[in-house]
Every structure is written in C-alpha cells, then in structure tokens.
C-alpha cells in the first residue's frame, strides 16, 4: 500500500472515535451491507464519520490491506478495526456494540 494512502487512512481512523469505510455515505448508502451499518449506528444514536470508498479507488483497495479484511464496509472504533456488517449485526444483537461505542465515546 502506498504510504500516502496509509497515512490518509490512519488519519481518518485515529481522528474519529467511530469511523466507517463504506460504499456511499451515511446519508445515502450504496449497498445493503453499508446500509445495515448506518442503520445500526443510527439506532444507537452515536456520532460517526464515513468515507465513501466508491469515490476513491486508492482508499477502496487500501482499506482492505490496512485491515487485512476483504470486504466493505469496515468499522473502526477508537482506532481499532471492529468488523464488517455481519459482525456489527451480531454485536448489536447480543448487546456488546452498545457497550463498545459507549466506552469509545466516553474516552
């Protein structure tokens, strides 16, 4: 991965307590998986930032290498990779996600 791309991803991940790399943006998700993530975070009522990977092919490929995770969306909480849509759904359904984001936003 290009150093400039890694630096841009680092900056977004480290600057936002909850950062989502997704197809589209939080106002207009462009795939069902991205929409799932946005809906869950909206239900929790937590602030989060998004990066539209469709608008930037370097970020789209770079984020997969950054996390060593092949799919998008990707959710980062307090600089740590949390997972994609399926993991977020599972964490939300078992109540762990609420705790994770509350801790992240309190720190």
PDB file of N, CA and C in Angstrom:
ATOM      1  N   UNK A   1       0.841  -1.177   0.000  1.00  0.00           N
ATOM      2  CA  UNK A   1       0.000   0.000   0.000  1.00  0.00           C
ATOM      3  C   UNK A   1       0.888   1.244   0.000  1.00  0.00           C
ATOM      4  N   UNK A   2       0.491   2.208  -0.781  1.00  0.00           N
ATOM      5  CA  UNK A   2       1.192   3.486  -0.850  1.00  0.00           C
ATOM      6  C   UNK A   2       1.206   4.163   0.526  1.00  0.00           C
ATOM      7  N   UNK A   3       2.325   4.738   0.888  1.00  0.00           N
ATOM      8  CA  UNK A   3       2.442   5.389   2.199  1.00  0.00           C
ATOM      9  C   UNK A   3       1.439   6.529   2.368  1.00  0.00           C
ATOM     10  N   UNK A   4       1.194   7.275   1.305  1.00  0.00           N
ATOM     11  CA  UNK A   4       0.238   8.382   1.385  1.00  0.00           C
ATOM     12  C   UNK A   4      -1.177   7.867   1.664  1.00  0.00           C
ATOM     13  N   UNK A   5      -1.532   6.744   1.060  1.00  0.00           N
ATOM     14  CA  UNK A   5      -2.854   6.162   1.303  1.00  0.00           C
ATOM     15  C   UNK A   5      -2.952   5.672   2.736  1.00  0.00           C
ATOM     16  N   UNK A   6      -1.905   4.992   3.207  1.00  0.00           N
ATOM     17  CA  UNK A   6      -1.895   4.517   4.590  1.00  0.00           C
ATOM     18  C   UNK A   6      -2.004   5.683   5.574  1.00  0.00           C
ATOM     19  N   UNK A   7      -1.294   6.768   5.294  1.00  0.00           N
ATOM     20  CA  UNK A   7      -1.352   7.946   6.163  1.00  0.00           C
ATOM     21  C   UNK A   7      -2.759   8.546   6.187  1.00  0.00           C
ATOM     22  N   UNK A   8      -3.402   8.586   5.021  1.00  0.00           N
ATOM     23  CA  UNK A   8      -4.784   9.116   4.970  1.00  0.00           C
ATOM     24  C   UNK A   8      -5.737   8.236   5.772  1.00  0.00           C
ATOM     25  N   UNK A   9      -5.603   6.926   5.634  1.00  0.00           N
ATOM     26  CA  UNK A   9      -6.462   6.013   6.396  1.00  0.00           C
ATOM     27  C   UNK A   9      -6.170   6.158   7.887  1.00  0.00           C
ATOM     28  N   UNK A  10      -4.893   6.182   8.247  1.00  0.00           N
ATOM     29  CA  UNK A  10      -4.503   6.374   9.660  1.00  0.00           C
ATOM     30  C   UNK A  10      -5.144   7.632  10.228  1.00  0.00           C
ATOM     31  N   UNK A  11      -5.068   8.710   9.476  1.00  0.00           N
ATOM     32  CA  UNK A  11      -5.611   9.985   9.949  1.00  0.00           C
ATOM     33  C   UNK A  11      -7.116   9.883  10.199  1.00  0.00           C
ATOM     34  N   UNK A  12      -7.842   9.253   9.289  1.00  0.00           N
ATOM     35  CA  UNK A  12      -9.302   9.119   9.462  1.00  0.00           C
ATOM     36  C   UNK A  12      -9.629   8.210  10.640  1.00  0.00           C
ATOM     37  N   UNK A  13      -8.907   7.099  10.756  1.00  0.00           N
ATOM     38  CA  UNK A  13      -9.181   6.129  11.816  1.00  0.00           C
ATOM     39  C   UNK A  13      -8.840   6.708  13.190  1.00  0.00           C
ATOM     40  N   UNK A  14      -7.740   7.456  13.266  1.00  0.00           N
ATOM     41  CA  UNK A  14      -7.302   7.995  14.560  1.00  0.00           C
ATOM     42  C   UNK A  14      -8.053   9.264  14.960  1.00  0.00           C
ATOM     43  N   UNK A  15      -8.629   9.971  13.997  1.00  0.00           N
ATOM     44  CA  UNK A  15      -9.287  11.250  14.293  1.00  0.00           C
ATOM     45  C   UNK A  15     -10.759  11.108  14.654  1.00  0.00           C
ATOM     46  N   UNK A  16     -11.338   9.954  14.391  1.00  0.00           N
ATOM     47  CA  UNK A  16     -12.770   9.777  14.617  1.00  0.00           C
ATOM     48  C   UNK A  16     -13.021   8.580  15.525  1.00  0.00           C
ATOM     49  N   UNK A  17     -13.725   8.776  16.642  1.00  0.00           N
ATOM     50  CA  UNK A  17     -13.985   7.650  17.544  1.00  0.00           C
ATOM     51  C   UNK A  17     -14.681   6.476  16.843  1.00  0.00           C
ATOM     52  N   UNK A  18     -15.597   6.789  15.920  1.00  0.00           N
ATOM     53  CA  UNK A  18     -16.248   5.747  15.132  1.00  0.00           C
ATOM     54  C   UNK A  18     -16.126   6.139  13.667  1.00  0.00           C
ATOM     55  N   UNK A  19     -15.397   5.332  12.914  1.00  0.00           N
ATOM     56  CA  UNK A  19     -15.138   5.614  11.501  1.00  0.00           C
ATOM     57  C   UNK A  19     -15.603   4.429  10.671  1.00  0.00           C
ATOM     58  N   UNK A  20     -16.388   4.724   9.628  1.00  0.00           N
ATOM     59  CA  UNK A  20     -16.922   3.674   8.766  1.00  0.00           C
ATOM     60  C   UNK A  20     -16.438   3.904   7.334  1.00  0.00           C
ATOM     61  N   UNK A  21     -15.776   2.913   6.786  1.00  0.00           N
ATOM     62  CA  UNK A  21     -15.420   2.910   5.366  1.00  0.00           C
ATOM     63  C   UNK A  21     -16.507   2.106   4.675  1.00  0.00           C
ATOM     64  N   UNK A  22     -17.219   2.772   3.777  1.00  0.00           N
ATOM     65  CA  UNK A  22     -18.413   2.153   3.208  1.00  0.00           C
ATOM     66  C   UNK A  22     -18.627   2.580   1.766  1.00  0.00           C
ATOM     67  N   UNK A  23     -19.585   1.929   1.130  1.00  0.00           N
ATOM     68  CA  UNK A  23     -19.986   2.321  -0.218  1.00  0.00           C
ATOM     69  C   UNK A  23     -21.112   3.328  -0.063  1.00  0.00           C
ATOM     70  N   UNK A  24     -20.841   4.566  -0.493  1.00  0.00           N
ATOM     71  CA  UNK A  24     -21.788   5.654  -0.287  1.00  0.00           C
ATOM     72  C   UNK A  24     -21.432   6.405   0.974  1.00  0.00           C
ATOM     73  N   UNK A  25     -22.392   7.115   1.521  1.00  0.00           N
ATOM     74  CA  UNK A  25     -22.166   7.838   2.773  1.00  0.00           C
ATOM     75  C   UNK A  25     -23.344   7.608   3.707  1.00  0.00           C
ATOM     76  N   UNK A  26     -23.244   8.180   4.908  1.00  0.00           N
ATOM     77  CA  UNK A  26     -24.272   7.863   5.898  1.00  0.00           C
ATOM     78  C   UNK A  26     -25.657   8.386   5.503  1.00  0.00           C
ATOM     79  N   UNK A  27     -25.705   9.351   4.603  1.00  0.00           N
ATOM     80  CA  UNK A  27     -26.996   9.850   4.141  1.00  0.00           C
ATOM     81  C   UNK A  27     -27.532   9.048   2.967  1.00  0.00           C
ATOM     82  N   UNK A  28     -26.634   8.395   2.223  1.00  0.00           N
ATOM     83  CA  UNK A  28     -27.052   7.631   1.058  1.00  0.00           C
ATOM     84  C   UNK A  28     -26.146   6.421   0.845  1.00  0.00           C
ATOM     85  N   UNK A  29     -26.338   5.388   1.665  1.00  0.00           N
ATOM     86  CA  UNK A  29     -25.549   4.166   1.475  1.00  0.00           C
ATOM     87  C   UNK A  29     -25.815   3.558   0.093  1.00  0.00           C
ATOM     88  N   UNK A  30     -24.762   3.010  -0.507  1.00  0.00           N
ATOM     89  CA  UNK A  30     -24.879   2.486  -1.861  1.00  0.00           C
ATOM     90  C   UNK A  30     -24.877   0.961  -1.923  1.00  0.00           C
ATOM     91  N   UNK A  31     -24.936   0.290  -0.775  1.00  0.00           N
ATOM     92  CA  UNK A  31     -25.106  -1.165  -0.777  1.00  0.00           C
ATOM     93  C   UNK A  31     -25.816  -1.561   0.510  1.00  0.00           C
ATOM     94  N   UNK A  32     -26.411  -2.720   0.484  1.00  0.00           N
ATOM     95  CA  UNK A  32     -27.184  -3.187   1.633  1.00  0.00           C
ATOM     96  C   UNK A  32     -26.353  -3.371   2.885  1.00  0.00           C
ATOM     97  N   UNK A  33     -25.121  -3.837   2.738  1.00  0.00           N
ATOM     98  CA  UNK A  33     -24.264  -4.057   3.910  1.00  0.00           C
ATOM     99  C   UNK A  33     -23.894  -2.722   4.560  1.00  0.00           C
ATOM    100  N   UNK A  34     -23.565  -1.746   3.716  1.00  0.00           N
ATOM    101  CA  UNK A  34     -23.261  -0.411   4.241  1.00  0.00           C
ATOM    102  C   UNK A  34     -24.492   0.179   4.913  1.00  0.00           C
ATOM    103  N   UNK A  35     -25.653  -0.037   4.323  1.00  0.00           N
ATOM    104  CA  UNK A  35     -26.889   0.459   4.904  1.00  0.00           C
ATOM    105  C   UNK A  35     -27.145  -0.178   6.263  1.00  0.00           C
ATOM    106  N   UNK A  36     -26.853  -1.478   6.406  1.00  0.00           N
ATOM    107  CA  UNK A  36     -27.021  -2.144   7.702  1.00  0.00           C
ATOM    108  C   UNK A  36     -26.206  -1.451   8.792  1.00  0.00           C
ATOM    109  N   UNK A  37     -24.956  -1.141   8.469  1.00  0.00           N
ATOM    110  CA  UNK A  37     -24.073  -0.492   9.442  1.00  0.00           C
ATOM    111  C   UNK A  37     -24.619   0.886   9.822  1.00  0.00           C
ATOM    112  N   UNK A  38     -25.017   1.656   8.830  1.00  0.00           N
ATOM    113  CA  UNK A  38     -25.550   3.001   9.102  1.00  0.00           C
ATOM    114  C   UNK A  38     -26.811   2.912   9.959  1.00  0.00           C
ATOM    115  N   UNK A  39     -27.694   1.982   9.639  1.00  0.00           N
ATOM    116  CA  UNK A  39     -28.936   1.860  10.406  1.00  0.00           C
ATOM    117  C   UNK A  39     -28.659   1.489  11.859  1.00  0.00           C
ATOM    118  N   UNK A  40     -27.738   0.578  12.081  1.00  0.00           N
ATOM    119  CA  UNK A  40     -27.409   0.174  13.458  1.00  0.00           C
ATOM    120  C   UNK A  40     -26.836   1.360  14.234  1.00  0.00           C
ATOM    121  N   UNK A  41     -25.887   2.078  13.629  1.00  0.00           N
ATOM    122  CA  UNK A  41     -25.289   3.218  14.333  1.00  0.00           C
ATOM    123  C   UNK A  41     -26.314   4.321  14.556  1.00  0.00           C
ATOM    124  N   UNK A  42     -27.223   4.507  13.614  1.00  0.00           N
ATOM    125  CA  UNK A  42     -28.295   5.491  13.803  1.00  0.00           C
ATOM    126  C   UNK A  42     -29.235   5.077  14.927  1.00  0.00           C
ATOM    127  N   UNK A  43     -29.549   3.790  15.023  1.00  0.00           N
ATOM    128  CA  UNK A  43     -30.406   3.305  16.115  1.00  0.00           C
ATOM    129  C   UNK A  43     -29.749   3.585  17.464  1.00  0.00           C
ATOM    130  N   UNK A  44     -28.427   3.403  17.512  1.00  0.00           N
ATOM    131  CA  UNK A  44     -27.702   3.655  18.762  1.00  0.00           C
ATOM    132  C   UNK A  44     -27.585   5.146  19.055  1.00  0.00           C
ATOM    133  N   UNK A  45     -27.804   5.967  18.028  1.00  0.00           N
ATOM    134  CA  UNK A  45     -27.745   7.418  18.218  1.00  0.00           C
ATOM    135  C   UNK A  45     -26.354   7.945  18.494  1.00  0.00           C
ATOM    136  N   UNK A  46     -25.354   7.293  17.942  1.00  0.00           N
ATOM    137  CA  UNK A  46     -23.972   7.716  18.179  1.00  0.00           C
ATOM    138  C   UNK A  46     -23.432   8.470  16.961  1.00  0.00           C
ATOM    139  N   UNK A  47     -22.563   9.446  17.200  1.00  0.00           N
ATOM    140  CA  UNK A  47     -21.948  10.150  16.076  1.00  0.00           C
ATOM    141  C   UNK A  47     -20.898   9.270  15.406  1.00  0.00           C
ATOM    142  N   UNK A  48     -20.835   9.336  14.088  1.00  0.00           N
ATOM    143  CA  UNK A  48     -19.819   8.577  13.364  1.00  0.00           C
ATOM    144  C   UNK A  48     -19.523   9.273  12.053  1.00  0.00           C
ATOM    145  N   UNK A  49     -18.330   8.998  11.547  1.00  0.00           N
ATOM    146  CA  UNK A  49     -17.914   9.558  10.263  1.00  0.00           C
ATOM    147  C   UNK A  49     -17.841   8.434   9.249  1.00  0.00           C
ATOM    148  N   UNK A  50     -18.005   8.807   7.989  1.00  0.00           N
ATOM    149  CA  UNK A  50     -17.925   7.815   6.921  1.00  0.00           C
ATOM    150  C   UNK A  50     -16.963   8.282   5.846  1.00  0.00           C
ATOM    151  N   UNK A  51     -16.414   7.298   5.141  1.00  0.00           N
ATOM    152  CA  UNK A  51     -15.590   7.555   3.970  1.00  0.00           C
ATOM    153  C   UNK A  51     -16.170   6.714   2.837  1.00  0.00           C
ATOM    154  N   UNK A  52     -16.543   7.373   1.751  1.00  0.00           N
ATOM    155  CA  UNK A  52     -17.113   6.685   0.595  1.00  0.00           C
ATOM    156  C   UNK A  52     -15.982   6.098  -0.243  1.00  0.00           C
ATOM    157  N   UNK A  53     -15.834   4.782  -0.179  1.00  0.00           N
ATOM    158  CA  UNK A  53     -14.736   4.139  -0.913  1.00  0.00           C
ATOM    159  C   UNK A  53     -14.982   4.138  -2.421  1.00  0.00           C
ATOM    160  N   UNK A  54     -16.228   4.326  -2.824  1.00  0.00           N
ATOM    161  CA  UNK A  54     -16.530   4.364  -4.259  1.00  0.00           C
ATOM    162  C   UNK A  54     -15.955   5.621  -4.907  1.00  0.00           C
ATOM    163  N   UNK A  55     -15.759   6.647  -4.113  1.00  0.00           N
ATOM    164  CA  UNK A  55     -15.240   7.909  -4.632  1.00  0.00           C
ATOM    165  C   UNK A  55     -13.716   7.929  -4.702  1.00  0.00           C
ATOM    166  N   UNK A  56     -13.073   6.921  -4.104  1.00  0.00           N
ATOM    167  CA  UNK A  56     -11.611   6.929  -4.048  1.00  0.00           C
ATOM    168  C   UNK A  56     -11.075   5.500  -4.172  1.00  0.00           C
ATOM    169  N   UNK A  57     -10.695   5.083  -5.377  1.00  0.00           N
ATOM    170  CA  UNK A  57     -10.207   3.713  -5.585  1.00  0.00           C
ATOM    171  C   UNK A  57      -8.983   3.366  -4.737  1.00  0.00           C
ATOM    172  N   UNK A  58      -8.134   4.339  -4.445  1.00  0.00           N
ATOM    173  CA  UNK A  58      -6.958   4.073  -3.606  1.00  0.00           C
ATOM    174  C   UNK A  58      -7.375   3.671  -2.191  1.00  0.00           C
ATOM    175  N   UNK A  59      -8.330   4.396  -1.636  1.00  0.00           N
ATOM    176  CA  UNK A  59      -8.843   4.057  -0.305  1.00  0.00           C
ATOM    177  C   UNK A  59      -9.599   2.739  -0.352  1.00  0.00           C
ATOM    178  N   UNK A  60     -10.353   2.522  -1.410  1.00  0.00           N
ATOM    179  CA  UNK A  60     -11.138   1.278  -1.535  1.00  0.00           C
ATOM    180  C   UNK A  60     -10.236   0.051  -1.452  1.00  0.00           C
ATOM    181  N   UNK A  61      -9.129   0.063  -2.149  1.00  0.00           N
ATOM    182  CA  UNK A  61      -8.203  -1.059  -2.087  1.00  0.00           C
ATOM    183  C   UNK A  61      -7.349  -0.987  -0.820  1.00  0.00           C
ATOM    184  N   UNK A  62      -6.932   0.208  -0.476  1.00  0.00           N
ATOM    185  CA  UNK A  62      -6.036   0.383   0.671  1.00  0.00           C
ATOM    186  C   UNK A  62      -6.646  -0.062   1.984  1.00  0.00           C
ATOM    187  N   UNK A  63      -7.946   0.172   2.167  1.00  0.00           N
ATOM    188  CA  UNK A  63      -8.555  -0.195   3.453  1.00  0.00           C
ATOM    189  C   UNK A  63      -8.578  -1.710   3.632  1.00  0.00           C
ATOM    190  N   UNK A  64      -8.665  -2.438   2.529  1.00  0.00           N
ATOM    191  CA  UNK A  64      -8.643  -3.908   2.622  1.00  0.00           C
ATOM    192  C   UNK A  64      -7.278  -4.400   3.077  1.00  0.00           C
ATOM    193  N   UNK A  65      -6.236  -3.747   2.605  1.00  0.00           N
ATOM    194  CA  UNK A  65      -4.882  -4.109   3.019  1.00  0.00           C
ATOM    195  C   UNK A  65      -4.601  -3.631   4.447  1.00  0.00           C
ATOM    196  N   UNK A  66      -5.122  -2.459   4.766  1.00  0.00           N
ATOM    197  CA  UNK A  66      -4.916  -1.850   6.087  1.00  0.00           C
ATOM    198  C   UNK A  66      -5.432  -2.778   7.195  1.00  0.00           C
ATOM    199  N   UNK A  67      -6.611  -3.346   6.959  1.00  0.00           N
ATOM    200  CA  UNK A  67      -7.244  -4.194   7.972  1.00  0.00           C
ATOM    201  C   UNK A  67      -6.988  -5.672   7.750  1.00  0.00           C
ATOM    202  N   UNK A  68      -6.483  -6.004   6.557  1.00  0.00           N
ATOM    203  CA  UNK A  68      -6.370  -7.411   6.162  1.00  0.00           C
ATOM    204  C   UNK A  68      -7.741  -8.076   6.200  1.00  0.00           C
ATOM    205  N   UNK A  69      -8.741  -7.323   5.754  1.00  0.00           N
ATOM    206  CA  UNK A  69     -10.132  -7.784   5.727  1.00  0.00           C
ATOM    207  C   UNK A  69     -10.644  -7.527   4.316  1.00  0.00           C
ATOM    208  N   UNK A  70     -11.235  -8.508   3.648  1.00  0.00           N
ATOM    209  CA  UNK A  70     -11.514  -8.370   2.215  1.00  0.00           C
ATOM    210  C   UNK A  70     -12.764  -7.599   1.821  1.00  0.00           C
ATOM    211  N   UNK A  71     -13.636  -7.325   2.767  1.00  0.00           N
ATOM    212  CA  UNK A  71     -14.917  -6.732   2.363  1.00  0.00           C
ATOM    213  C   UNK A  71     -15.132  -5.347   2.962  1.00  0.00           C
ATOM    214  N   UNK A  72     -16.082  -4.653   2.380  1.00  0.00           N
ATOM    215  CA  UNK A  72     -16.501  -3.323   2.812  1.00  0.00           C
ATOM    216  C   UNK A  72     -18.008  -3.404   3.008  1.00  0.00           C
ATOM    217  N   UNK A  73     -18.531  -2.846   4.074  1.00  0.00           N
ATOM    218  CA  UNK A  73     -17.988  -1.816   4.951  1.00  0.00           C
ATOM    219  C   UNK A  73     -17.031  -2.356   6.014  1.00  0.00           C
ATOM    220  N   UNK A  74     -16.265  -1.418   6.554  1.00  0.00           N
ATOM    221  CA  UNK A  74     -15.374  -1.706   7.669  1.00  0.00           C
ATOM    222  C   UNK A  74     -15.577  -0.620   8.724  1.00  0.00           C
ATOM    223  N   UNK A  75     -15.733  -1.076   9.970  1.00  0.00           N
ATOM    224  CA  UNK A  75     -15.999  -0.155  11.068  1.00  0.00           C
ATOM    225  C   UNK A  75     -14.810  -0.160  12.022  1.00  0.00           C
ATOM    226  N   UNK A  76     -14.348   1.041  12.358  1.00  0.00           N
ATOM    227  CA  UNK A  76     -13.262   1.228  13.317  1.00  0.00           C
ATOM    228  C   UNK A  76     -13.803   1.993  14.512  1.00  0.00           C
ATOM    229  N   UNK A  77     -13.466   1.509  15.706  1.00  0.00           N
ATOM    230  CA  UNK A  77     -13.870   2.178  16.938  1.00  0.00           C
ATOM    231  C   UNK A  77     -12.610   2.433  17.748  1.00  0.00           C
ATOM    232  N   UNK A  78     -12.403   3.686  18.082  1.00  0.00           N
ATOM    233  CA  UNK A  78     -11.192   4.107  18.817  1.00  0.00           C
ATOM    234  C   UNK A  78      -9.916   3.589  18.163  1.00  0.00           C
ATOM    235  N   UNK A  79      -9.875   3.666  16.848  1.00  0.00           N
ATOM    236  CA  UNK A  79      -8.675   3.290  16.113  1.00  0.00           C
ATOM    237  C   UNK A  79      -8.511   1.803  15.867  1.00  0.00           C
ATOM    238  N   UNK A  80      -9.403   0.991  16.381  1.00  0.00           N
ATOM    239  CA  UNK A  80      -9.303  -0.460  16.229  1.00  0.00           C
ATOM    240  C   UNK A  80     -10.361  -0.961  15.243  1.00  0.00           C
ATOM    241  N   UNK A  81      -9.956  -1.888  14.392  1.00  0.00           N
ATOM    242  CA  UNK A  81     -10.898  -2.493  13.451  1.00  0.00           C
ATOM    243  C   UNK A  81     -11.869  -3.372  14.220  1.00  0.00           C
ATOM    244  N   UNK A  82     -13.160  -3.083  14.068  1.00  0.00           N
ATOM    245  CA  UNK A  82     -14.189  -3.850  14.769  1.00  0.00           C
ATOM    246  C   UNK A  82     -14.734  -4.964  13.884  1.00  0.00           C
ATOM    247  N   UNK A  83     -15.003  -4.644  12.612  1.00  0.00           N
ATOM    248  CA  UNK A  83     -15.520  -5.659  11.706  1.00  0.00           C
ATOM    249  C   UNK A  83     -16.357  -5.045  10.611  1.00  0.00           C
ATOM    250  N   UNK A  84     -17.070  -5.923   9.934  1.00  0.00           N
ATOM    251  CA  UNK A  84     -17.955  -5.505   8.855  1.00  0.00           C
ATOM    252  C   UNK A  84     -19.404  -5.606   9.292  1.00  0.00           C
ATOM    253  N   UNK A  85     -20.277  -5.655   8.307  1.00  0.00           N
ATOM    254  CA  UNK A  85     -21.712  -5.639   8.574  1.00  0.00           C
ATOM    255  C   UNK A  85     -22.162  -6.812   9.444  1.00  0.00           C
ATOM    256  N   UNK A  86     -21.762  -8.017   9.105  1.00  0.00           N
ATOM    257  CA  UNK A  86     -22.226  -9.192   9.854  1.00  0.00           C
ATOM    258  C   UNK A  86     -21.778  -9.148  11.311  1.00  0.00           C
ATOM    259  N   UNK A  87     -20.542  -8.713  11.528  1.00  0.00           N
ATOM    260  CA  UNK A  87     -20.026  -8.647  12.902  1.00  0.00           C
ATOM    261  C   UNK A  87     -20.757  -7.567  13.688  1.00  0.00           C
ATOM    262  N   UNK A  88     -21.017  -6.432  13.025  1.00  0.00           N
ATOM    263  CA  UNK A  88     -21.736  -5.353  13.699  1.00  0.00           C
ATOM    264  C   UNK A  88     -23.148  -5.803  14.088  1.00  0.00           C
ATOM    265  N   UNK A  89     -23.816  -6.508  13.184  1.00  0.00           N
ATOM    266  CA  UNK A  89     -25.169  -7.012  13.480  1.00  0.00           C
ATOM    267  C   UNK A  89     -25.120  -7.946  14.688  1.00  0.00           C
ATOM    268  N   UNK A  90     -24.152  -8.855  14.689  1.00  0.00           N
ATOM    269  CA  UNK A  90     -24.034  -9.803  15.797  1.00  0.00           C
ATOM    270  C   UNK A  90     -23.768  -9.084  17.114  1.00  0.00           C
ATOM    271  N   UNK A  91     -22.833  -8.119  17.088  1.00  0.00           N
ATOM    272  CA  UNK A  91     -22.516  -7.373  18.315  1.00  0.00           C
ATOM    273  C   UNK A  91     -23.711  -6.555  18.789  1.00  0.00           C
ATOM    274  N   UNK A  92     -24.467  -6.013  17.843  1.00  0.00           N
ATOM    275  CA  UNK A  92     -25.657  -5.236  18.214  1.00  0.00           C
ATOM    276  C   UNK A  92     -26.711  -6.148  18.845  1.00  0.00           C
ATOM    277  N   UNK A  93     -26.935  -7.296  18.234  1.00  0.00           N
ATOM    278  CA  UNK A  93     -27.974  -8.197  18.723  1.00  0.00           C
ATOM    279  C   UNK A  93     -27.652  -8.784  20.090  1.00  0.00           C
ATOM    280  N   UNK A  94     -26.366  -8.963  20.392  1.00  0.00           N
ATOM    281  CA  UNK A  94     -26.053  -9.508  21.718  1.00  0.00           C
ATOM    282  C   UNK A  94     -25.739  -8.418  22.745  1.00  0.00           C
ATOM    283  N   UNK A  95     -25.899  -7.147  22.334  1.00  0.00           N
ATOM    284  CA  UNK A  95     -25.752  -6.038  23.268  1.00  0.00           C
ATOM    285  C   UNK A  95     -24.339  -5.530  23.468  1.00  0.00           C
ATOM    286  N   UNK A  96     -23.364  -6.171  22.861  1.00  0.00           N
ATOM    287  CA  UNK A  96     -21.971  -5.757  23.065  1.00  0.00           C
ATOM    288  C   UNK A  96     -21.642  -4.449  22.353  1.00  0.00           C
ATOM    289  N   UNK A  97     -22.278  -4.190  21.223  1.00  0.00           N
ATOM    290  CA  UNK A  97     -21.936  -2.995  20.458  1.00  0.00           C
ATOM    291  C   UNK A  97     -22.259  -1.725  21.236  1.00  0.00           C
ATOM    292  N   UNK A  98     -23.396  -1.709  21.912  1.00  0.00           N
ATOM    293  CA  UNK A  98     -23.763  -0.538  22.692  1.00  0.00           C
ATOM    294  C   UNK A  98     -22.673  -0.230  23.722  1.00  0.00           C
ATOM    295  N   UNK A  99     -22.176  -1.253  24.374  1.00  0.00           N
ATOM    296  CA  UNK A  99     -21.128  -1.072  25.379  1.00  0.00           C
ATOM    297  C   UNK A  99     -19.830  -0.581  24.735  1.00  0.00           C
ATOM    298  N   UNK A 100     -19.472  -1.160  23.601  1.00  0.00           N
ATOM    299  CA  UNK A 100     -18.228  -0.784  22.917  1.00  0.00           C
ATOM    300  C   UNK A 100     -18.249   0.688  22.509  1.00  0.00           C
ATOM    301  N   UNK A 101     -19.350   1.137  21.922  1.00  0.00           N
ATOM    302  CA  UNK A 101     -19.392   2.527  21.455  1.00  0.00           C
ATOM    303  C   UNK A 101     -19.519   3.507  22.620  1.00  0.00           C
ATOM    304  N   UNK A 102     -20.200   3.098  23.692  1.00  0.00           N
ATOM    305  CA  UNK A 102     -20.293   3.991  24.853  1.00  0.00           C
ATOM    306  C   UNK A 102     -18.919   4.202  25.473  1.00  0.00           C
ATOM    307  N   UNK A 103     -18.150   3.141  25.576  1.00  0.00           N
ATOM    308  CA  UNK A 103     -16.798   3.246  26.120  1.00  0.00           C
ATOM    309  C   UNK A 103     -15.937   4.110  25.202  1.00  0.00           C
ATOM    310  N   UNK A 104     -16.063   3.901  23.901  1.00  0.00           N
ATOM    311  CA  UNK A 104     -15.264   4.667  22.940  1.00  0.00           C
ATOM    312  C   UNK A 104     -15.580   6.153  23.015  1.00  0.00           C
ATOM    313  N   UNK A 105     -16.847   6.479  23.117  1.00  0.00           N
ATOM    314  CA  UNK A 105     -17.231   7.884  23.128  1.00  0.00           C
ATOM    315  C   UNK A 105     -16.938   8.548  24.467  1.00  0.00           C
ATOM    316  N   UNK A 106     -16.834   7.760  25.527  1.00  0.00           N
ATOM    317  CA  UNK A 106     -16.528   8.311  26.854  1.00  0.00           C
ATOM    318  C   UNK A 106     -15.037   8.558  27.039  1.00  0.00           C
ATOM    319  N   UNK A 107     -14.206   7.926  26.218  1.00  0.00           N
ATOM    320  CA  UNK A 107     -12.756   8.056  26.416  1.00  0.00           C
ATOM    321  C   UNK A 107     -12.189   9.211  25.633  1.00  0.00           C
TER     322      UNK A 107
END
